């Protein structure tokens, strides 16, 4: 029973560590060794185009993307009001490849034109006054507690630790 307060304190401290920092450190440790693919840096003129690699959308340019595959991959670049761009990129193991796409604007006769806004007038009718009386119910919902659940669990654990120490 002498180690019980130690374990309670350890559990309390573990509850305070953000889960994101633990998962981020584990992710970088497990994905770095043994890489077989390569990195591709996609850049377009103008930026902000959607990049597709082997028919899978990977993001908008500029973007650096790690591909687990090696060899020649199909690239498609799309942006509104610009012609689609298709090409290939060759990825080799543990190397970085730069991919630049110059997008061509669509001709002005193919660009959709929006109609100018027109002003619409509406007629409003004043509502009729109702004679029905509706009773107002008492509030039934209770407000949520402003205390974080992790703080409550930690306080309970700390209380148990103090009780155990005092019994000795």
N, C-alpha and C. Protein backbone atom coordinates (compact mmCIF):
# COMPACT_ATOMS: atom_id res chain seq x y z
N UNK A 1 0.81 -1.21 0.00
CA UNK A 1 0.00 0.00 0.00
C UNK A 1 0.84 1.26 0.00
N UNK A 2 2.16 1.13 0.22
CA UNK A 2 2.99 2.33 0.26
C UNK A 2 3.11 2.97 -1.11
N UNK A 3 2.96 2.19 -2.16
CA UNK A 3 3.14 2.72 -3.51
C UNK A 3 1.85 3.28 -4.10
N UNK A 4 0.75 3.10 -3.43
CA UNK A 4 -0.54 3.57 -3.96
C UNK A 4 -0.56 5.07 -4.23
N UNK A 5 -0.10 5.94 -3.31
CA UNK A 5 -0.09 7.38 -3.60
C UNK A 5 0.81 7.72 -4.79
N UNK A 6 1.90 6.98 -4.95
CA UNK A 6 2.78 7.23 -6.09
C UNK A 6 2.04 6.96 -7.40
N UNK A 7 1.32 5.83 -7.45
CA UNK A 7 0.59 5.50 -8.66
C UNK A 7 -0.55 6.47 -8.92
N UNK A 8 -1.21 6.92 -7.88
CA UNK A 8 -2.28 7.90 -8.04
C UNK A 8 -1.71 9.20 -8.60
N UNK A 9 -0.58 9.64 -8.09
CA UNK A 9 0.05 10.86 -8.60
C UNK A 9 0.50 10.69 -10.04
N UNK A 10 1.02 9.50 -10.36
CA UNK A 10 1.45 9.23 -11.73
C UNK A 10 0.28 9.27 -12.70
N UNK A 11 -0.85 8.68 -12.30
CA UNK A 11 -2.05 8.71 -13.15
C UNK A 11 -2.51 10.15 -13.34
N UNK A 12 -2.49 10.93 -12.30
CA UNK A 12 -2.90 12.34 -12.39
C UNK A 12 -2.00 13.10 -13.37
N UNK A 13 -0.69 12.89 -13.30
CA UNK A 13 0.22 13.58 -14.21
C UNK A 13 0.03 13.12 -15.65
N UNK A 14 -0.24 11.84 -15.84
CA UNK A 14 -0.47 11.35 -17.20
C UNK A 14 -1.74 11.93 -17.81
N UNK A 15 -2.72 12.24 -16.97
CA UNK A 15 -3.94 12.86 -17.48
C UNK A 15 -3.69 14.29 -17.96
N UNK A 16 -2.67 14.93 -17.41
CA UNK A 16 -2.38 16.31 -17.77
C UNK A 16 -1.57 16.43 -19.06
N UNK A 17 -0.89 15.35 -19.49
CA UNK A 17 -0.09 15.40 -20.71
C UNK A 17 -1.03 15.38 -21.90
N UNK A 18 -0.88 16.33 -22.82
CA UNK A 18 -1.75 16.33 -24.01
C UNK A 18 -1.47 15.10 -24.87
N UNK A 19 -2.53 14.48 -25.34
CA UNK A 19 -2.41 13.27 -26.15
C UNK A 19 -1.76 13.56 -27.49
N UNK A 20 -1.89 14.78 -28.02
CA UNK A 20 -1.32 15.11 -29.33
C UNK A 20 0.19 15.03 -29.32
N UNK A 21 0.84 15.51 -28.24
CA UNK A 21 2.30 15.50 -28.22
C UNK A 21 2.83 14.09 -28.15
N UNK A 22 2.15 13.19 -27.46
CA UNK A 22 2.59 11.80 -27.38
C UNK A 22 2.43 11.13 -28.73
N UNK A 23 1.28 11.32 -29.39
CA UNK A 23 1.06 10.67 -30.68
C UNK A 23 1.97 11.24 -31.76
N UNK A 24 2.28 12.54 -31.70
CA UNK A 24 3.17 13.13 -32.71
C UNK A 24 4.57 12.58 -32.57
N UNK A 25 5.08 12.41 -31.34
CA UNK A 25 6.42 11.88 -31.18
C UNK A 25 6.49 10.41 -31.59
N UNK A 26 5.41 9.64 -31.34
CA UNK A 26 5.39 8.25 -31.75
C UNK A 26 5.33 8.12 -33.26
N UNK A 27 4.58 9.02 -33.91
CA UNK A 27 4.43 8.96 -35.36
C UNK A 27 5.76 9.23 -36.06
N UNK A 28 6.51 10.23 -35.63
CA UNK A 28 7.77 10.53 -36.28
C UNK A 28 8.79 9.44 -36.02
N UNK A 29 8.70 8.79 -34.87
CA UNK A 29 9.66 7.74 -34.56
C UNK A 29 9.39 6.49 -35.38
N UNK A 30 8.14 6.21 -35.74
CA UNK A 30 7.83 4.97 -36.43
C UNK A 30 7.85 5.12 -37.95
N UNK A 31 7.72 6.31 -38.50
CA UNK A 31 7.64 6.43 -39.95
C UNK A 31 8.97 6.80 -40.59
N UNK A 32 9.94 7.29 -39.87
CA UNK A 32 11.19 7.74 -40.47
C UNK A 32 12.09 6.60 -40.94
N UNK A 33 12.39 5.59 -40.12
CA UNK A 33 13.33 4.57 -40.58
C UNK A 33 12.74 3.67 -41.65
N UNK A 34 13.58 3.24 -42.58
CA UNK A 34 13.17 2.29 -43.59
C UNK A 34 12.31 2.85 -44.70
N UNK A 35 12.42 4.13 -45.02
CA UNK A 35 11.62 4.71 -46.10
C UNK A 35 12.10 4.15 -47.43
N UNK A 36 11.15 3.84 -48.31
CA UNK A 36 11.51 3.31 -49.62
C UNK A 36 11.13 4.26 -50.74
N UNK A 37 10.28 5.22 -50.49
CA UNK A 37 9.82 6.14 -51.53
C UNK A 37 10.66 7.40 -51.57
N UNK A 38 10.08 8.43 -52.18
CA UNK A 38 10.76 9.71 -52.29
C UNK A 38 9.81 10.86 -52.06
N UNK A 39 10.35 12.07 -52.04
CA UNK A 39 9.58 13.28 -51.78
C UNK A 39 9.40 14.04 -53.09
N UNK A 40 8.19 14.59 -53.28
CA UNK A 40 7.89 15.38 -54.47
C UNK A 40 7.43 16.76 -54.00
N UNK A 41 8.03 17.81 -54.57
CA UNK A 41 7.61 19.18 -54.29
C UNK A 41 6.82 19.67 -55.49
N UNK A 42 5.53 19.93 -55.29
CA UNK A 42 4.66 20.40 -56.36
C UNK A 42 4.51 21.91 -56.25
N UNK A 43 4.72 22.59 -57.38
CA UNK A 43 4.54 24.04 -57.45
C UNK A 43 3.83 24.36 -58.75
N UNK A 44 2.86 25.28 -58.70
CA UNK A 44 2.13 25.66 -59.90
C UNK A 44 2.14 27.17 -60.05
N UNK A 45 2.01 27.59 -61.28
CA UNK A 45 1.86 29.01 -61.57
C UNK A 45 0.53 29.17 -62.27
N UNK A 46 -0.47 29.77 -61.65
CA UNK A 46 -0.55 30.38 -60.33
C UNK A 46 -0.71 29.32 -59.24
N UNK A 47 -0.37 29.67 -57.99
CA UNK A 47 -0.53 28.71 -56.90
C UNK A 47 -1.99 28.50 -56.54
N UNK A 48 -2.25 27.47 -55.74
CA UNK A 48 -3.61 27.19 -55.29
C UNK A 48 -4.34 26.17 -56.13
N UNK A 49 -3.62 25.46 -57.00
CA UNK A 49 -4.25 24.43 -57.83
C UNK A 49 -4.34 23.12 -57.06
N UNK A 50 -5.33 22.30 -57.40
CA UNK A 50 -5.50 20.99 -56.77
C UNK A 50 -4.61 19.99 -57.48
N UNK A 51 -3.85 19.22 -56.69
CA UNK A 51 -2.90 18.23 -57.23
C UNK A 51 -3.48 16.84 -57.03
N UNK A 52 -3.47 16.03 -58.10
CA UNK A 52 -3.90 14.64 -58.06
C UNK A 52 -2.70 13.79 -58.45
N UNK A 53 -2.40 12.76 -57.66
CA UNK A 53 -1.29 11.86 -57.95
C UNK A 53 -1.86 10.45 -58.06
N UNK A 54 -1.75 9.85 -59.25
CA UNK A 54 -2.34 8.54 -59.54
C UNK A 54 -3.82 8.50 -59.15
N UNK A 55 -4.57 9.52 -59.57
CA UNK A 55 -6.02 9.66 -59.34
C UNK A 55 -6.40 9.75 -57.87
N UNK A 56 -5.49 10.22 -57.02
CA UNK A 56 -5.76 10.45 -55.60
C UNK A 56 -5.42 11.91 -55.30
N UNK A 57 -6.40 12.67 -54.79
CA UNK A 57 -6.17 14.07 -54.47
C UNK A 57 -5.25 14.16 -53.26
N UNK A 58 -4.14 14.93 -53.41
CA UNK A 58 -3.19 15.03 -52.30
C UNK A 58 -3.15 16.41 -51.67
N UNK A 59 -3.73 17.43 -52.32
CA UNK A 59 -3.76 18.77 -51.72
C UNK A 59 -3.66 19.85 -52.76
N UNK A 60 -3.38 21.09 -52.29
CA UNK A 60 -3.26 22.24 -53.18
C UNK A 60 -1.83 22.74 -53.17
N UNK A 61 -1.41 23.29 -54.29
CA UNK A 61 -0.03 23.73 -54.45
C UNK A 61 0.19 25.09 -53.77
N UNK A 62 1.38 25.36 -53.31
CA UNK A 62 2.56 24.50 -53.29
C UNK A 62 2.47 23.49 -52.15
N UNK A 63 2.98 22.29 -52.39
CA UNK A 63 2.91 21.22 -51.40
C UNK A 63 4.10 20.29 -51.57
N UNK A 64 4.63 19.80 -50.45
CA UNK A 64 5.65 18.77 -50.46
C UNK A 64 4.98 17.49 -50.02
N UNK A 65 5.13 16.43 -50.82
CA UNK A 65 4.40 15.18 -50.59
C UNK A 65 5.39 14.02 -50.58
N UNK A 66 5.28 13.17 -49.56
CA UNK A 66 6.10 11.96 -49.51
C UNK A 66 5.32 10.82 -50.15
N UNK A 67 5.90 10.19 -51.16
CA UNK A 67 5.26 9.07 -51.84
C UNK A 67 5.98 7.79 -51.44
N UNK A 68 5.22 6.81 -50.98
CA UNK A 68 5.79 5.52 -50.65
C UNK A 68 6.12 4.71 -51.89
N UNK A 69 5.61 5.15 -53.04
CA UNK A 69 5.85 4.46 -54.30
C UNK A 69 7.08 5.04 -54.98
N UNK A 70 7.75 4.23 -55.78
CA UNK A 70 8.83 4.71 -56.64
C UNK A 70 8.45 4.38 -58.07
N UNK A 71 9.09 5.08 -59.02
CA UNK A 71 8.79 4.87 -60.42
C UNK A 71 8.06 6.06 -60.99
N UNK A 72 7.41 5.87 -62.13
CA UNK A 72 6.70 6.93 -62.82
C UNK A 72 5.25 6.99 -62.35
N UNK A 73 4.82 8.18 -61.91
CA UNK A 73 3.47 8.38 -61.40
C UNK A 73 2.76 9.42 -62.24
N UNK A 74 1.44 9.26 -62.41
CA UNK A 74 0.60 10.19 -63.17
C UNK A 74 0.23 11.39 -62.30
N UNK A 75 0.35 12.60 -62.85
CA UNK A 75 0.02 13.83 -62.12
C UNK A 75 -1.05 14.58 -62.91
N UNK A 76 -2.07 15.07 -62.20
CA UNK A 76 -3.08 15.92 -62.81
C UNK A 76 -3.24 17.15 -61.94
N UNK A 77 -3.25 18.33 -62.57
CA UNK A 77 -3.36 19.59 -61.85
C UNK A 77 -4.62 20.30 -62.36
N UNK A 78 -5.49 20.75 -61.42
CA UNK A 78 -6.73 21.42 -61.80
C UNK A 78 -6.87 22.71 -61.01
N UNK A 79 -7.33 23.75 -61.70
CA UNK A 79 -7.65 25.02 -61.06
C UNK A 79 -8.78 25.66 -61.84
N UNK A 80 -9.70 26.29 -61.11
CA UNK A 80 -10.85 26.94 -61.74
C UNK A 80 -10.37 28.04 -62.67
N UNK A 81 -10.98 28.14 -63.82
CA UNK A 81 -10.69 29.12 -64.87
C UNK A 81 -9.34 28.87 -65.57
N UNK A 82 -8.74 27.68 -65.37
CA UNK A 82 -7.49 27.30 -66.05
C UNK A 82 -7.67 25.91 -66.65
N UNK A 83 -6.93 25.65 -67.73
CA UNK A 83 -6.97 24.34 -68.36
C UNK A 83 -6.30 23.32 -67.46
N UNK A 84 -6.84 22.08 -67.46
CA UNK A 84 -6.23 21.01 -66.68
C UNK A 84 -4.85 20.69 -67.25
N UNK A 85 -3.93 20.35 -66.36
CA UNK A 85 -2.57 20.01 -66.74
C UNK A 85 -2.32 18.57 -66.34
N UNK A 86 -1.81 17.75 -67.26
CA UNK A 86 -1.47 16.37 -66.94
C UNK A 86 -0.02 16.13 -67.29
N UNK A 87 0.60 15.26 -66.52
CA UNK A 87 2.00 14.94 -66.76
C UNK A 87 2.40 13.74 -65.91
N UNK A 88 3.68 13.44 -65.92
CA UNK A 88 4.22 12.34 -65.12
C UNK A 88 5.40 12.84 -64.31
N UNK A 89 5.66 12.16 -63.23
CA UNK A 89 6.82 12.46 -62.39
C UNK A 89 7.46 11.12 -62.04
N UNK A 90 8.79 11.09 -62.08
CA UNK A 90 9.52 9.87 -61.74
C UNK A 90 10.12 10.02 -60.35
N UNK A 91 9.73 9.12 -59.45
CA UNK A 91 10.16 9.17 -58.07
C UNK A 91 11.19 8.06 -57.84
N UNK A 92 12.34 8.43 -57.26
CA UNK A 92 13.34 7.44 -56.91
C UNK A 92 13.48 7.40 -55.39
N UNK A 93 14.03 6.32 -54.90
CA UNK A 93 14.10 6.08 -53.47
C UNK A 93 14.96 7.12 -52.76
N UNK A 94 14.41 7.71 -51.69
CA UNK A 94 15.08 8.68 -50.81
C UNK A 94 15.60 9.93 -51.54
N UNK A 95 14.95 10.33 -52.63
CA UNK A 95 15.33 11.55 -53.34
C UNK A 95 14.15 12.50 -53.42
N UNK A 96 14.47 13.80 -53.63
CA UNK A 96 13.43 14.82 -53.78
C UNK A 96 13.34 15.20 -55.26
N UNK A 97 12.10 15.30 -55.74
CA UNK A 97 11.84 15.68 -57.12
C UNK A 97 11.00 16.96 -57.09
N UNK A 98 11.37 17.96 -57.92
CA UNK A 98 10.58 19.18 -58.05
C UNK A 98 9.69 19.06 -59.28
N UNK A 99 8.39 19.38 -59.13
CA UNK A 99 7.44 19.31 -60.22
C UNK A 99 6.81 20.69 -60.37
N UNK A 100 7.03 21.35 -61.51
CA UNK A 100 6.49 22.68 -61.77
C UNK A 100 5.49 22.59 -62.91
N UNK A 101 4.30 23.16 -62.72
CA UNK A 101 3.26 23.17 -63.75
C UNK A 101 2.86 24.60 -64.05
N UNK A 102 2.98 25.01 -65.31
CA UNK A 102 2.53 26.32 -65.76
C UNK A 102 1.11 26.14 -66.29
N UNK A 103 0.12 26.72 -65.62
CA UNK A 103 -1.27 26.57 -66.02
C UNK A 103 -1.65 27.64 -67.03
N UNK A 104 -2.45 27.25 -68.02
CA UNK A 104 -2.90 28.16 -69.08
C UNK A 104 -4.32 28.60 -68.79
N UNK A 105 -4.59 29.93 -68.79
CA UNK A 105 -5.97 30.38 -68.54
C UNK A 105 -6.90 29.95 -69.67
N UNK A 106 -8.16 29.70 -69.31
CA UNK A 106 -9.16 29.37 -70.32
C UNK A 106 -9.45 30.61 -71.18
N UNK A 107 -9.81 30.41 -72.45
CA UNK A 107 -10.21 31.56 -73.27
C UNK A 107 -11.43 32.25 -72.67
N UNK A 108 -11.54 33.55 -72.88
CA UNK A 108 -12.62 34.32 -72.26
C UNK A 108 -14.00 33.90 -72.75
N UNK A 109 -14.10 33.32 -73.95
CA UNK A 109 -15.42 32.90 -74.42
C UNK A 109 -15.88 31.60 -73.74
N UNK A 110 -14.96 30.87 -73.07
CA UNK A 110 -15.34 29.66 -72.35
C UNK A 110 -15.57 29.90 -70.86
N UNK A 111 -15.22 31.08 -70.39
CA UNK A 111 -15.39 31.41 -68.98
C UNK A 111 -16.85 31.74 -68.72
N UNK A 112 -17.47 31.10 -67.74
CA UNK A 112 -18.88 31.40 -67.47
C UNK A 112 -19.06 32.82 -66.95
N UNK A 113 -20.07 33.50 -67.49
CA UNK A 113 -20.36 34.87 -67.09
C UNK A 113 -21.58 34.85 -66.19
N UNK A 114 -21.50 35.54 -65.09
CA UNK A 114 -22.65 35.59 -64.18
C UNK A 114 -23.50 36.80 -64.53
N UNK A 115 -24.80 36.64 -64.40
CA UNK A 115 -25.73 37.72 -64.71
C UNK A 115 -25.67 38.77 -63.61
N UNK A 116 -25.85 40.04 -63.98
CA UNK A 116 -25.84 41.08 -62.95
C UNK A 116 -27.03 40.92 -62.00
N UNK A 117 -26.83 41.34 -60.78
CA UNK A 117 -27.88 41.22 -59.77
C UNK A 117 -29.01 42.19 -60.09
N UNK A 118 -30.25 41.73 -59.88
CA UNK A 118 -31.40 42.59 -60.09
C UNK A 118 -32.07 42.82 -58.74
N UNK A 119 -32.62 43.99 -58.58
CA UNK A 119 -33.27 44.34 -57.33
C UNK A 119 -34.69 43.79 -57.32
N UNK A 120 -35.05 43.13 -56.23
CA UNK A 120 -36.37 42.55 -56.08
C UNK A 120 -37.08 43.28 -54.95
N UNK A 121 -38.30 43.70 -55.22
CA UNK A 121 -39.08 44.35 -54.16
C UNK A 121 -40.14 43.37 -53.68
N UNK A 122 -40.33 43.34 -52.38
CA UNK A 122 -41.33 42.45 -51.81
C UNK A 122 -42.34 43.25 -51.02
N UNK A 123 -43.54 42.75 -51.00
CA UNK A 123 -44.59 43.41 -50.24
C UNK A 123 -44.71 42.71 -48.89
N UNK A 124 -44.79 43.50 -47.84
CA UNK A 124 -44.94 42.93 -46.50
C UNK A 124 -46.32 43.25 -45.97
N UNK A 125 -46.92 42.24 -45.37
CA UNK A 125 -48.26 42.40 -44.79
C UNK A 125 -48.08 42.33 -43.29
N UNK A 126 -48.60 43.30 -42.55
CA UNK A 126 -48.44 43.24 -41.10
C UNK A 126 -49.19 42.04 -40.53
N UNK A 127 -48.61 41.36 -39.54
CA UNK A 127 -49.26 40.17 -39.00
C UNK A 127 -50.49 40.55 -38.16
N UNK A 128 -51.45 39.64 -38.15
CA UNK A 128 -52.64 39.86 -37.34
C UNK A 128 -52.30 39.55 -35.89
N UNK A 129 -52.89 40.29 -34.98
CA UNK A 129 -52.65 40.08 -33.58
C UNK A 129 -53.48 38.88 -33.11
N UNK A 130 -52.79 37.92 -32.49
CA UNK A 130 -53.45 36.71 -32.03
C UNK A 130 -54.04 36.92 -30.64
N UNK A 131 -55.14 36.23 -30.37
CA UNK A 131 -55.76 36.30 -29.05
C UNK A 131 -55.48 35.06 -28.21
N UNK A 132 -54.69 34.13 -28.74
CA UNK A 132 -54.37 32.90 -28.02
C UNK A 132 -53.28 33.20 -27.00
N UNK A 133 -53.47 32.68 -25.77
CA UNK A 133 -52.49 32.85 -24.71
C UNK A 133 -51.79 31.50 -24.51
N UNK A 134 -50.49 31.50 -24.67
CA UNK A 134 -49.71 30.28 -24.52
C UNK A 134 -48.94 30.37 -23.21
N UNK A 135 -49.11 29.38 -22.31
CA UNK A 135 -48.38 29.42 -21.05
C UNK A 135 -46.89 29.17 -21.27
N UNK A 136 -46.06 29.84 -20.50
CA UNK A 136 -44.62 29.68 -20.61
C UNK A 136 -44.16 28.62 -19.61
N UNK A 137 -43.48 27.57 -20.06
CA UNK A 137 -43.05 26.52 -19.13
C UNK A 137 -41.82 26.97 -18.32
N UNK A 138 -41.63 26.31 -17.17
CA UNK A 138 -40.45 26.58 -16.36
C UNK A 138 -39.24 26.00 -17.07
N UNK A 139 -38.08 26.58 -16.88
CA UNK A 139 -36.87 26.01 -17.51
C UNK A 139 -36.58 24.63 -16.91
N UNK A 140 -36.35 23.66 -17.77
CA UNK A 140 -36.09 22.30 -17.31
C UNK A 140 -34.65 21.88 -17.49
N UNK A 141 -33.89 22.54 -18.31
CA UNK A 141 -32.51 22.12 -18.55
C UNK A 141 -31.60 22.73 -17.48
N UNK A 142 -30.57 21.97 -17.12
CA UNK A 142 -29.59 22.45 -16.15
C UNK A 142 -28.35 22.87 -16.92
N UNK A 143 -27.70 23.94 -16.49
CA UNK A 143 -26.49 24.38 -17.20
C UNK A 143 -25.35 23.38 -16.99
N UNK A 144 -24.44 23.30 -17.99
CA UNK A 144 -23.31 22.39 -17.89
C UNK A 144 -22.30 22.93 -16.89
N UNK A 145 -21.57 22.02 -16.28
CA UNK A 145 -20.54 22.39 -15.31
C UNK A 145 -19.37 23.04 -16.03
N UNK A 146 -18.83 24.12 -15.51
CA UNK A 146 -17.69 24.78 -16.16
C UNK A 146 -16.37 24.07 -15.90
N UNK A 147 -16.37 22.99 -15.08
CA UNK A 147 -15.15 22.30 -14.70
C UNK A 147 -14.86 21.20 -15.73
N UNK A 148 -13.60 21.12 -16.16
CA UNK A 148 -13.16 20.10 -17.10
C UNK A 148 -13.19 18.72 -16.42
N UNK A 149 -13.64 17.66 -17.10
CA UNK A 149 -13.69 16.33 -16.48
C UNK A 149 -12.33 15.83 -16.01
N UNK A 150 -11.25 16.19 -16.70
CA UNK A 150 -9.92 15.75 -16.28
C UNK A 150 -9.56 16.34 -14.93
N UNK A 151 -9.98 17.58 -14.65
CA UNK A 151 -9.70 18.21 -13.38
C UNK A 151 -10.46 17.49 -12.27
N UNK A 152 -11.69 17.10 -12.54
CA UNK A 152 -12.49 16.39 -11.54
C UNK A 152 -11.85 15.04 -11.23
N UNK A 153 -11.43 14.30 -12.25
CA UNK A 153 -10.80 13.00 -12.03
C UNK A 153 -9.50 13.17 -11.25
N UNK A 154 -8.72 14.19 -11.62
CA UNK A 154 -7.48 14.44 -10.90
C UNK A 154 -7.72 14.81 -9.45
N UNK A 155 -8.74 15.60 -9.16
CA UNK A 155 -9.04 15.99 -7.79
C UNK A 155 -9.48 14.77 -6.98
N UNK A 156 -10.27 13.89 -7.59
CA UNK A 156 -10.69 12.67 -6.89
C UNK A 156 -9.48 11.79 -6.58
N UNK A 157 -8.59 11.63 -7.57
CA UNK A 157 -7.39 10.82 -7.37
C UNK A 157 -6.51 11.43 -6.28
N UNK A 158 -6.35 12.74 -6.28
CA UNK A 158 -5.56 13.41 -5.26
C UNK A 158 -6.20 13.24 -3.89
N UNK A 159 -7.51 13.31 -3.80
CA UNK A 159 -8.21 13.10 -2.54
C UNK A 159 -8.00 11.69 -1.99
N UNK A 160 -8.08 10.67 -2.87
CA UNK A 160 -7.80 9.31 -2.43
C UNK A 160 -6.37 9.18 -1.93
N UNK A 161 -5.43 9.83 -2.61
CA UNK A 161 -4.03 9.78 -2.18
C UNK A 161 -3.85 10.37 -0.80
N UNK A 162 -4.48 11.48 -0.52
CA UNK A 162 -4.38 12.13 0.78
C UNK A 162 -5.00 11.25 1.85
N UNK A 163 -6.13 10.63 1.56
CA UNK A 163 -6.79 9.75 2.54
C UNK A 163 -5.90 8.56 2.87
N UNK A 164 -5.28 7.98 1.89
CA UNK A 164 -4.41 6.81 2.12
C UNK A 164 -3.20 7.22 2.95
N UNK A 165 -2.61 8.35 2.66
CA UNK A 165 -1.44 8.82 3.43
C UNK A 165 -1.83 9.11 4.87
N UNK A 166 -2.98 9.69 5.10
CA UNK A 166 -3.42 10.05 6.47
C UNK A 166 -3.72 8.81 7.31
N UNK A 167 -4.11 7.71 6.69
CA UNK A 167 -4.45 6.50 7.45
C UNK A 167 -3.21 5.87 8.06
N UNK A 168 -2.07 6.17 7.56
CA UNK A 168 -0.84 5.56 8.08
C UNK A 168 -0.34 6.29 9.22
